[in-house]
C-alpha atoms as a PDB file:
ATOM      1  CA  MET A   1     -11.489  13.768  -4.977  1.00  0.00           C
ATOM      2  CA  ASN A   2     -11.390  10.510  -6.893  1.00  0.00           C
ATOM      3  CA  ASP A   3      -9.387   7.908  -5.045  1.00  0.00           C
ATOM      4  CA  GLN A   4      -7.364   5.568  -7.194  1.00  0.00           C
ATOM      5  CA  ARG A   5      -8.394   1.939  -7.069  1.00  0.00           C
ATOM      6  CA  MET A   6      -5.928  -0.908  -7.450  1.00  0.00           C
ATOM      7  CA  ASN A   7      -6.212  -4.649  -7.118  1.00  0.00           C
ATOM      8  CA  CYS A   8      -4.478  -6.223  -4.133  1.00  0.00           C
ATOM      9  CA  PRO A   9      -1.460  -8.264  -5.281  1.00  0.00           C
ATOM     10  CA  GLU A  10      -2.327 -10.886  -2.639  1.00  0.00           C
ATOM     11  CA  CYS A  11      -6.074 -11.473  -2.939  1.00  0.00           C
ATOM     12  CA  ASP A  12      -7.197  -9.283  -5.891  1.00  0.00           C
ATOM     13  CA  ALA A  13      -9.558  -7.200  -3.725  1.00  0.00           C
ATOM     14  CA  ILE A  14      -9.916  -3.476  -4.421  1.00  0.00           C
ATOM     15  CA  ILE A  15      -7.576  -1.165  -2.495  1.00  0.00           C
ATOM     16  CA  LYS A  16      -8.474   2.531  -2.481  1.00  0.00           C
ATOM     17  CA  ILE A  17      -5.483   4.860  -2.614  1.00  0.00           C
ATOM     18  CA  PRO A  18      -6.238   8.502  -1.765  1.00  0.00           C
ATOM     19  CA  ASP A  19      -5.269  11.095  -4.386  1.00  0.00           C
ATOM     20  CA  ASP A  20      -3.141  12.891  -1.798  1.00  0.00           C
ATOM     21  CA  ALA A  21      -1.192   9.748  -0.800  1.00  0.00           C
ATOM     22  CA  SER A  22       2.549  10.082  -1.284  1.00  0.00           C
ATOM     23  CA  VAL A  23       5.469   7.748  -1.926  1.00  0.00           C
ATOM     24  CA  GLY A  24       6.397   5.839   1.221  1.00  0.00           C
ATOM     25  CA  GLU A  25       2.884   5.828   2.695  1.00  0.00           C
ATOM     26  CA  LEU A  26       1.361   2.513   3.726  1.00  0.00           C
ATOM     27  CA  VAL A  27      -1.978   1.215   2.534  1.00  0.00           C
ATOM     28  CA  SER A  28      -3.736  -1.942   3.683  1.00  0.00           C
ATOM     29  CA  CYS A  29      -6.027  -4.320   1.869  1.00  0.00           C
ATOM     30  CA  PRO A  30      -9.485  -4.238   3.471  1.00  0.00           C
ATOM     31  CA  ASP A  31     -10.036  -7.946   2.714  1.00  0.00           C
ATOM     32  CA  CYS A  32      -6.799  -9.823   3.501  1.00  0.00           C
ATOM     33  CA  GLY A  33      -5.119  -7.161   5.665  1.00  0.00           C
ATOM     34  CA  ALA A  34      -1.829  -7.205   3.715  1.00  0.00           C
ATOM     35  CA  ASP A  35       0.191  -3.991   4.039  1.00  0.00           C
ATOM     36  CA  PHE A  36       1.748  -2.306   1.028  1.00  0.00           C
ATOM     37  CA  GLU A  37       3.998   0.707   0.592  1.00  0.00           C
ATOM     38  CA  ILE A  38       3.521   3.153  -2.246  1.00  0.00           C
ATOM     39  CA  ALA A  39       6.804   2.620  -4.104  1.00  0.00           C
ATOM     40  CA  SER A  40       6.240   5.210  -6.815  1.00  0.00           C
ATOM     41  CA  LYS A  41       3.548   7.572  -7.967  1.00  0.00           C
ATOM     42  CA  ASN A  42       3.331   9.314 -11.310  1.00  0.00           C
ATOM     43  CA  GLY A  43       0.119  11.298 -11.557  1.00  0.00           C
ATOM     44  CA  SER A  44      -2.665   8.819 -10.946  1.00  0.00           C
ATOM     45  CA  VAL A  45      -0.472   5.749 -11.505  1.00  0.00           C
ATOM     46  CA  CYS A  46       0.879   4.065  -8.363  1.00  0.00           C
ATOM     47  CA  GLU A  47       3.155   1.116  -7.868  1.00  0.00           C
ATOM     48  CA  LEU A  48       2.806  -0.891  -4.668  1.00  0.00           C
ATOM     49  CA  LYS A  49       5.363  -3.098  -2.958  1.00  0.00           C
ATOM     50  CA  HIS A  50       5.000  -5.298   0.102  1.00  0.00           C
ATOM     51  CA  ALA A  51       5.631  -3.300   3.256  1.00  0.00           C
ATOM     52  CA  GLU A  52       8.616  -4.415   5.270  1.00  0.00           C
ATOM     53  CA  LYS A  53       7.686  -6.019   8.540  1.00  0.00           C
ATOM     54  CA  VAL A  54       9.878  -4.791  11.344  1.00  0.00           C
ATOM     55  CA  GLY A  55      10.215  -7.282  14.162  1.00  0.00           C
ATOM     56  CA  GLU A  56      10.893  -6.537  17.784  1.00  0.00           C
ATOM     57  CA  ASP A  57      14.505  -5.828  18.625  1.00  0.00           C
ATOM     58  CA  TRP A  58      15.084  -7.232  22.055  1.00  0.00           C
ATOM     59  CA  GLY A  59      18.646  -5.917  22.180  1.00  0.00           C
ATOM     60  CA  GLU A  60      20.176  -9.100  20.863  1.00  0.00           C
END
């Protein structure tokens, strides 16, 4: 398997995306720790978007 490599939109580090990753999966940058969601995947071409951060819901 050849993982796809993309540059982190935040810090430009290399993010490895497994070939079997699917749309909606989360990947993290090993350098800055930013989380990204795979927004679309067409063959070996992926598009990343910032993952939504879900805060605690304290019933308010």
